[in-house]
């Protein structure tokens, strides 16, 4: 699992360009989504998103996705689950 995530992070530009290619296609399919119904279309898309992002980026589906800003590396992987928290599991120092 870690090797897949490492590969995905190293090839972040590929995923960014793939997103740029498919975004206009998805937007142009808006009449289809509207005819199907957004809630009905959301279910299979969210399942696909959860599986792919979980496999490639170890994504926790927290709803605060910043993969494109962090080089396709999910910051919610830290043991503390802090988006902007200290790295390495550091603990707070008590004053003497």
Protein backbone atom coordinates (compact mmCIF):
# COMPACT_ATOMS: atom_id res chain seq x y z
CA UNK A 1 0.00 0.00 0.00
CA UNK A 2 2.79 2.42 0.91
CA UNK A 3 4.60 1.74 -2.39
CA UNK A 4 1.44 2.65 -4.35
CA UNK A 5 1.06 5.87 -2.36
CA UNK A 6 4.73 6.72 -2.90
CA UNK A 7 4.33 6.14 -6.65
CA UNK A 8 1.23 8.37 -6.74
CA UNK A 9 3.03 11.19 -4.92
CA UNK A 10 6.01 10.94 -7.26
CA UNK A 11 3.70 11.15 -10.28
CA UNK A 12 1.50 13.96 -8.97
CA UNK A 13 1.84 15.97 -12.18
CA UNK A 14 0.34 13.05 -14.12
CA UNK A 15 -2.75 13.03 -11.89
CA UNK A 16 -3.06 16.82 -12.12
CA UNK A 17 -2.97 16.69 -15.93
CA UNK A 18 -5.44 13.79 -15.94
CA UNK A 19 -7.79 15.91 -13.82
CA UNK A 20 -7.43 18.86 -16.20
CA UNK A 21 -8.35 16.62 -19.14
CA UNK A 22 -11.43 15.05 -17.54
CA UNK A 23 -12.86 18.08 -15.73
CA UNK A 24 -14.30 19.74 -18.88
CA UNK A 25 -15.78 16.40 -19.95
CA UNK A 26 -17.56 15.98 -16.61
CA UNK A 27 -18.80 19.58 -16.73
CA UNK A 28 -20.16 19.11 -20.27
CA UNK A 29 -22.08 16.06 -19.06
CA UNK A 30 -24.10 18.30 -16.73
CA UNK A 31 -27.39 17.73 -18.64
CA UNK A 32 -26.93 13.98 -18.16
CA UNK A 33 -26.27 14.39 -14.42
CA UNK A 34 -29.33 16.62 -14.18
CA UNK A 35 -31.57 14.09 -15.96
CA UNK A 36 -30.30 11.20 -13.81
CA UNK A 37 -30.48 13.27 -10.66
CA UNK A 38 -27.49 14.55 -8.73
CA UNK A 39 -28.12 12.44 -5.63
CA UNK A 40 -28.50 9.29 -7.71
CA UNK A 41 -25.30 10.01 -9.67
CA UNK A 42 -23.37 10.96 -6.54
CA UNK A 43 -23.49 7.49 -4.98
CA UNK A 44 -21.43 5.55 -7.57
CA UNK A 45 -19.08 8.49 -8.10
CA UNK A 46 -18.38 8.79 -4.38
CA UNK A 47 -17.73 5.03 -4.10
CA UNK A 48 -15.29 5.22 -7.03
CA UNK A 49 -13.64 8.30 -5.50
CA UNK A 50 -13.26 6.64 -2.10
CA UNK A 51 -11.69 3.50 -3.56
CA UNK A 52 -9.29 5.29 -5.91
CA UNK A 53 -8.22 8.05 -3.49
CA UNK A 54 -7.85 5.53 -0.69
CA UNK A 55 -5.63 3.27 -2.78
CA UNK A 56 -3.52 5.96 -4.41
CA UNK A 57 -3.24 8.61 -1.70
CA UNK A 58 -4.36 6.88 1.52
CA UNK A 59 -7.11 9.48 1.63
CA UNK A 60 -9.34 9.58 4.72
CA UNK A 61 -12.26 11.30 2.90
CA UNK A 62 -12.34 14.03 5.55
CA UNK A 63 -14.07 16.59 3.34
CA UNK A 64 -11.15 19.04 3.48
CA UNK A 65 -9.28 17.73 0.44
CA UNK A 66 -6.15 19.64 -0.49
CA UNK A 67 -4.39 16.93 -2.48
CA UNK A 68 -3.63 19.31 -5.34
CA UNK A 69 -2.01 21.77 -2.91
CA UNK A 70 0.15 19.19 -1.13
CA UNK A 71 1.62 17.38 -4.13
CA UNK A 72 -1.03 14.64 -4.00
CA UNK A 73 -0.06 13.63 -0.48
CA UNK A 74 -2.87 13.51 2.07
CA UNK A 75 -1.90 15.36 5.27
CA UNK A 76 -4.61 13.52 7.23
CA UNK A 77 -2.36 10.44 7.35
CA UNK A 78 -0.56 11.72 10.41
CA UNK A 79 -1.39 9.90 13.65
CA UNK A 80 -2.96 13.04 15.11
CA UNK A 81 -5.18 13.62 12.03
CA UNK A 82 -4.23 17.29 12.00
CA UNK A 83 -4.30 18.99 8.65
CA UNK A 84 -1.70 21.61 9.58
CA UNK A 85 -0.32 19.96 12.70
CA UNK A 86 3.26 19.20 13.66
CA UNK A 87 5.00 16.44 11.74
CA UNK A 88 6.51 13.30 13.19
CA UNK A 89 3.96 12.82 15.96
CA UNK A 90 5.64 15.54 18.01
CA UNK A 91 4.20 16.25 21.43
CA UNK A 92 3.70 19.58 23.07
CA UNK A 93 6.50 20.60 25.39
CA UNK A 94 5.53 21.55 28.92
CA UNK A 95 7.18 24.63 30.38
CA UNK A 96 9.60 23.94 33.20
